Amino acid sequence: MKIKVEVSDADLAAMLCESLEEFEQEFRNQLDNGVVTDDGGAGSDWMCEYNLEIVKV
């Protein structure tokens, strides 16, 4: 699966991130650990492998 995220400077500021790398780290953490299934599993337990692309717009 490929996930593409377009983020602006305003988005980064709103999320208190100073760089795309920092945003990517936080976003990847949310995908892997922050998403919880109905039975309590983490995102990494049920998501297939993904390729994350962060693009500044």
PDB file of N, CA and C in Angstrom:
ATOM      1  N   MET A   1       0.849  -1.159   0.000  1.00  0.00           N
ATOM      2  CA  MET A   1       0.000   0.000   0.000  1.00  0.00           C
ATOM      3  C   MET A   1       0.898   1.226   0.000  1.00  0.00           C
ATOM      4  N   LYS A   2       0.496   2.242  -0.753  1.00  0.00           N
ATOM      5  CA  LYS A   2       1.246   3.498  -0.782  1.00  0.00           C
ATOM      6  C   LYS A   2       0.367   4.585  -0.175  1.00  0.00           C
ATOM      7  N   ILE A   3       0.926   5.317   0.766  1.00  0.00           N
ATOM      8  CA  ILE A   3       0.232   6.431   1.404  1.00  0.00           C
ATOM      9  C   ILE A   3       1.004   7.694   1.077  1.00  0.00           C
ATOM     10  N   LYS A   4       0.326   8.646   0.439  1.00  0.00           N
ATOM     11  CA  LYS A   4       0.951   9.919   0.085  1.00  0.00           C
ATOM     12  C   LYS A   4       0.259  11.021   0.879  1.00  0.00           C
ATOM     13  N   VAL A   5       1.064  11.840   1.566  1.00  0.00           N
ATOM     14  CA  VAL A   5       0.536  12.924   2.377  1.00  0.00           C
ATOM     15  C   VAL A   5       1.128  14.229   1.874  1.00  0.00           C
ATOM     16  N   GLU A   6       0.263  15.190   1.571  1.00  0.00           N
ATOM     17  CA  GLU A   6       0.705  16.511   1.161  1.00  0.00           C
ATOM     18  C   GLU A   6       0.552  17.444   2.352  1.00  0.00           C
ATOM     19  N   VAL A   7       1.630  18.112   2.726  1.00  0.00           N
ATOM     20  CA  VAL A   7       1.626  18.952   3.920  1.00  0.00           C
ATOM     21  C   VAL A   7       2.243  20.312   3.597  1.00  0.00           C
ATOM     22  N   SER A   8       1.646  21.357   4.146  1.00  0.00           N
ATOM     23  CA  SER A   8       2.144  22.717   3.917  1.00  0.00           C
ATOM     24  C   SER A   8       2.907  23.204   5.148  1.00  0.00           C
ATOM     25  N   ASP A   9       3.557  24.350   5.013  1.00  0.00           N
ATOM     26  CA  ASP A   9       4.236  24.952   6.166  1.00  0.00           C
ATOM     27  C   ASP A   9       3.237  25.237   7.286  1.00  0.00           C
ATOM     28  N   ALA A  10       2.027  25.687   6.922  1.00  0.00           N
ATOM     29  CA  ALA A  10       0.995  25.964   7.929  1.00  0.00           C
ATOM     30  C   ALA A  10       0.586  24.680   8.656  1.00  0.00           C
ATOM     31  N   ASP A  11       0.501  23.569   7.907  1.00  0.00           N
ATOM     32  CA  ASP A  11       0.171  22.283   8.528  1.00  0.00           C
ATOM     33  C   ASP A  11       1.255  21.881   9.524  1.00  0.00           C
ATOM     34  N   LEU A  12       2.511  22.011   9.105  1.00  0.00           N
ATOM     35  CA  LEU A  12       3.625  21.656   9.992  1.00  0.00           C
ATOM     36  C   LEU A  12       3.580  22.496  11.268  1.00  0.00           C
ATOM     37  N   ALA A  13       3.341  23.789  11.124  1.00  0.00           N
ATOM     38  CA  ALA A  13       3.283  24.679  12.289  1.00  0.00           C
ATOM     39  C   ALA A  13       2.124  24.298  13.200  1.00  0.00           C
ATOM     40  N   ALA A  14       0.971  23.986  12.621  1.00  0.00           N
ATOM     41  CA  ALA A  14      -0.198  23.618  13.419  1.00  0.00           C
ATOM     42  C   ALA A  14       0.040  22.334  14.209  1.00  0.00           C
ATOM     43  N   MET A  15       0.874  21.449  13.665  1.00  0.00           N
ATOM     44  CA  MET A  15       1.163  20.176  14.327  1.00  0.00           C
ATOM     45  C   MET A  15       2.465  20.222  15.115  1.00  0.00           C
ATOM     46  N   LEU A  16       3.003  21.439  15.271  1.00  0.00           N
ATOM     47  CA  LEU A  16       4.216  21.662  16.065  1.00  0.00           C
ATOM     48  C   LEU A  16       5.411  20.853  15.569  1.00  0.00           C
ATOM     49  N   CYS A  17       5.511  20.712  14.241  1.00  0.00           N
ATOM     50  CA  CYS A  17       6.644  20.019  13.627  1.00  0.00           C
ATOM     51  C   CYS A  17       7.503  21.053  12.906  1.00  0.00           C
ATOM     52  N   GLU A  18       8.808  20.935  13.067  1.00  0.00           N
ATOM     53  CA  GLU A  18       9.729  21.885  12.453  1.00  0.00           C
ATOM     54  C   GLU A  18      10.263  21.430  11.103  1.00  0.00           C
ATOM     55  N   SER A  19      10.033  20.157  10.749  1.00  0.00           N
ATOM     56  CA  SER A  19      10.548  19.644   9.484  1.00  0.00           C
ATOM     57  C   SER A  19       9.655  18.519   8.973  1.00  0.00           C
ATOM     58  N   LEU A  20       9.821  18.195   7.687  1.00  0.00           N
ATOM     59  CA  LEU A  20       9.090  17.066   7.117  1.00  0.00           C
ATOM     60  C   LEU A  20       9.504  15.760   7.783  1.00  0.00           C
ATOM     61  N   GLU A  21      10.766  15.653   8.137  1.00  0.00           N
ATOM     62  CA  GLU A  21      11.264  14.443   8.780  1.00  0.00           C
ATOM     63  C   GLU A  21      10.581  14.233  10.138  1.00  0.00           C
ATOM     64  N   GLU A  22      10.444  15.321  10.894  1.00  0.00           N
ATOM     65  CA  GLU A  22       9.774  15.234  12.192  1.00  0.00           C
ATOM     66  C   GLU A  22       8.304  14.850  12.006  1.00  0.00           C
ATOM     67  N   PHE A  23       7.649  15.459  11.013  1.00  0.00           N
ATOM     68  CA  PHE A  23       6.255  15.118  10.716  1.00  0.00           C
ATOM     69  C   PHE A  23       6.142  13.651  10.329  1.00  0.00           C
ATOM     70  N   GLU A  24       7.033  13.191   9.453  1.00  0.00           N
ATOM     71  CA  GLU A  24       6.982  11.794   9.008  1.00  0.00           C
ATOM     72  C   GLU A  24       7.137  10.837  10.185  1.00  0.00           C
ATOM     73  N   GLN A  25       8.045  11.147  11.078  1.00  0.00           N
ATOM     74  CA  GLN A  25       8.249  10.290  12.247  1.00  0.00           C
ATOM     75  C   GLN A  25       6.974  10.224  13.095  1.00  0.00           C
ATOM     76  N   GLU A  26       6.359  11.375  13.347  1.00  0.00           N
ATOM     77  CA  GLU A  26       5.129  11.414  14.141  1.00  0.00           C
ATOM     78  C   GLU A  26       3.982  10.705  13.417  1.00  0.00           C
ATOM     79  N   PHE A  27       3.870  10.935  12.116  1.00  0.00           N
ATOM     80  CA  PHE A  27       2.797  10.328  11.331  1.00  0.00           C
ATOM     81  C   PHE A  27       2.955   8.809  11.305  1.00  0.00           C
ATOM     82  N   ARG A  28       4.173   8.353  11.062  1.00  0.00           N
ATOM     83  CA  ARG A  28       4.448   6.906  11.030  1.00  0.00           C
ATOM     84  C   ARG A  28       4.144   6.276  12.391  1.00  0.00           C
ATOM     85  N   ASN A  29       4.485   6.969  13.465  1.00  0.00           N
ATOM     86  CA  ASN A  29       4.189   6.469  14.809  1.00  0.00           C
ATOM     87  C   ASN A  29       2.680   6.329  15.005  1.00  0.00           C
ATOM     88  N   GLN A  30       1.921   7.322  14.530  1.00  0.00           N
ATOM     89  CA  GLN A  30       0.461   7.247  14.657  1.00  0.00           C
ATOM     90  C   GLN A  30      -0.097   6.070  13.857  1.00  0.00           C
ATOM     91  N   LEU A  31       0.407   5.868  12.643  1.00  0.00           N
ATOM     92  CA  LEU A  31      -0.064   4.743  11.835  1.00  0.00           C
ATOM     93  C   LEU A  31       0.261   3.410  12.490  1.00  0.00           C
ATOM     94  N   ASP A  32       1.476   3.293  12.995  1.00  0.00           N
ATOM     95  CA  ASP A  32       1.930   2.020  13.549  1.00  0.00           C
ATOM     96  C   ASP A  32       1.385   1.747  14.947  1.00  0.00           C
ATOM     97  N   ASN A  33       1.226   2.777  15.758  1.00  0.00           N
ATOM     98  CA  ASN A  33       0.891   2.562  17.169  1.00  0.00           C
ATOM     99  C   ASN A  33      -0.355   3.283  17.649  1.00  0.00           C
ATOM    100  N   GLY A  34      -0.734   4.375  16.978  1.00  0.00           N
ATOM    101  CA  GLY A  34      -1.838   5.190  17.468  1.00  0.00           C
ATOM    102  C   GLY A  34      -3.205   4.720  17.020  1.00  0.00           C
ATOM    103  N   VAL A  35      -3.260   3.973  15.917  1.00  0.00           N
ATOM    104  CA  VAL A  35      -4.525   3.457  15.417  1.00  0.00           C
ATOM    105  C   VAL A  35      -4.824   2.164  16.155  1.00  0.00           C
ATOM    106  N   VAL A  36      -5.986   2.115  16.804  1.00  0.00           N
ATOM    107  CA  VAL A  36      -6.339   0.930  17.591  1.00  0.00           C
ATOM    108  C   VAL A  36      -7.588   0.292  17.010  1.00  0.00           C
ATOM    109  N   THR A  37      -7.547  -1.018  16.856  1.00  0.00           N
ATOM    110  CA  THR A  37      -8.703  -1.750  16.334  1.00  0.00           C
ATOM    111  C   THR A  37      -9.730  -1.963  17.440  1.00  0.00           C
ATOM    112  N   ASP A  38     -10.901  -2.428  17.052  1.00  0.00           N
ATOM    113  CA  ASP A  38     -11.980  -2.674  18.013  1.00  0.00           C
ATOM    114  C   ASP A  38     -11.575  -3.661  19.105  1.00  0.00           C
ATOM    115  N   ASP A  39     -10.691  -4.597  18.773  1.00  0.00           N
ATOM    116  CA  ASP A  39     -10.286  -5.596  19.762  1.00  0.00           C
ATOM    117  C   ASP A  39      -8.998  -5.217  20.490  1.00  0.00           C
ATOM    118  N   GLY A  40      -8.553  -3.954  20.329  1.00  0.00           N
ATOM    119  CA  GLY A  40      -7.395  -3.484  21.082  1.00  0.00           C
ATOM    120  C   GLY A  40      -6.051  -3.635  20.402  1.00  0.00           C
ATOM    121  N   GLY A  41      -6.028  -4.133  19.173  1.00  0.00           N
ATOM    122  CA  GLY A  41      -4.765  -4.291  18.461  1.00  0.00           C
ATOM    123  C   GLY A  41      -4.252  -2.955  17.954  1.00  0.00           C
ATOM    124  N   ALA A  42      -2.952  -2.868  17.752  1.00  0.00           N
ATOM    125  CA  ALA A  42      -2.337  -1.651  17.214  1.00  0.00           C
ATOM    126  C   ALA A  42      -2.389  -1.688  15.694  1.00  0.00           C
ATOM    127  N   GLY A  43      -2.218  -0.510  15.083  1.00  0.00           N
ATOM    128  CA  GLY A  43      -2.246  -0.422  13.627  1.00  0.00           C
ATOM    129  C   GLY A  43      -1.264  -1.362  12.964  1.00  0.00           C
ATOM    130  N   SER A  44      -0.094  -1.503  13.553  1.00  0.00           N
ATOM    131  CA  SER A  44       0.917  -2.373  12.957  1.00  0.00           C
ATOM    132  C   SER A  44       0.495  -3.840  12.977  1.00  0.00           C
ATOM    133  N   ASP A  45      -0.485  -4.180  13.824  1.00  0.00           N
ATOM    134  CA  ASP A  45      -0.969  -5.560  13.885  1.00  0.00           C
ATOM    135  C   ASP A  45      -1.915  -5.894  12.734  1.00  0.00           C
ATOM    136  N   TRP A  46      -2.615  -4.891  12.214  1.00  0.00           N
ATOM    137  CA  TRP A  46      -3.609  -5.186  11.183  1.00  0.00           C
ATOM    138  C   TRP A  46      -3.342  -4.535   9.842  1.00  0.00           C
ATOM    139  N   MET A  47      -2.460  -3.535   9.773  1.00  0.00           N
ATOM    140  CA  MET A  47      -2.174  -2.891   8.487  1.00  0.00           C
ATOM    141  C   MET A  47      -1.166  -3.698   7.689  1.00  0.00           C
ATOM    142  N   CYS A  48      -1.391  -3.725   6.368  1.00  0.00           N
ATOM    143  CA  CYS A  48      -0.378  -4.360   5.527  1.00  0.00           C
ATOM    144  C   CYS A  48       0.823  -3.417   5.427  1.00  0.00           C
ATOM    145  N   GLU A  49       1.905  -3.921   4.905  1.00  0.00           N
ATOM    146  CA  GLU A  49       3.112  -3.111   4.760  1.00  0.00           C
ATOM    147  C   GLU A  49       2.798  -1.905   3.877  1.00  0.00           C
ATOM    148  N   TYR A  50       3.365  -0.756   4.228  1.00  0.00           N
ATOM    149  CA  TYR A  50       3.075   0.452   3.473  1.00  0.00           C
ATOM    150  C   TYR A  50       4.337   1.234   3.165  1.00  0.00           C
ATOM    151  N   ASN A  51       4.221   2.054   2.116  1.00  0.00           N
ATOM    152  CA  ASN A  51       5.269   2.982   1.701  1.00  0.00           C
ATOM    153  C   ASN A  51       4.701   4.369   1.939  1.00  0.00           C
ATOM    154  N   LEU A  52       5.353   5.156   2.775  1.00  0.00           N
ATOM    155  CA  LEU A  52       4.876   6.475   3.131  1.00  0.00           C
ATOM    156  C   LEU A  52       5.655   7.537   2.366  1.00  0.00           C
ATOM    157  N   GLU A  53       4.934   8.405   1.676  1.00  0.00           N
ATOM    158  CA  GLU A  53       5.553   9.495   0.936  1.00  0.00           C
ATOM    159  C   GLU A  53       4.989  10.814   1.477  1.00  0.00           C
ATOM    160  N   ILE A  54       5.852  11.667   2.007  1.00  0.00           N
ATOM    161  CA  ILE A  54       5.454  12.977   2.526  1.00  0.00           C
ATOM    162  C   ILE A  54       5.937  14.025   1.525  1.00  0.00           C
ATOM    163  N   VAL A  55       5.020  14.876   1.049  1.00  0.00           N
ATOM    164  CA  VAL A  55       5.340  15.879   0.045  1.00  0.00           C
ATOM    165  C   VAL A  55       4.955  17.243   0.586  1.00  0.00           C
ATOM    166  N   LYS A  56       5.855  18.206   0.470  1.00  0.00           N
ATOM    167  CA  LYS A  56       5.568  19.582   0.884  1.00  0.00           C
ATOM    168  C   LYS A  56       4.903  20.318  -0.266  1.00  0.00           C
ATOM    169  N   VAL A  57       3.778  20.962   0.034  1.00  0.00           N
ATOM    170  CA  VAL A  57       3.041  21.711  -1.000  1.00  0.00           C
ATOM    171  C   VAL A  57       3.088  23.187  -0.706  1.00  0.00           C
TER     172      VAL A  57
END
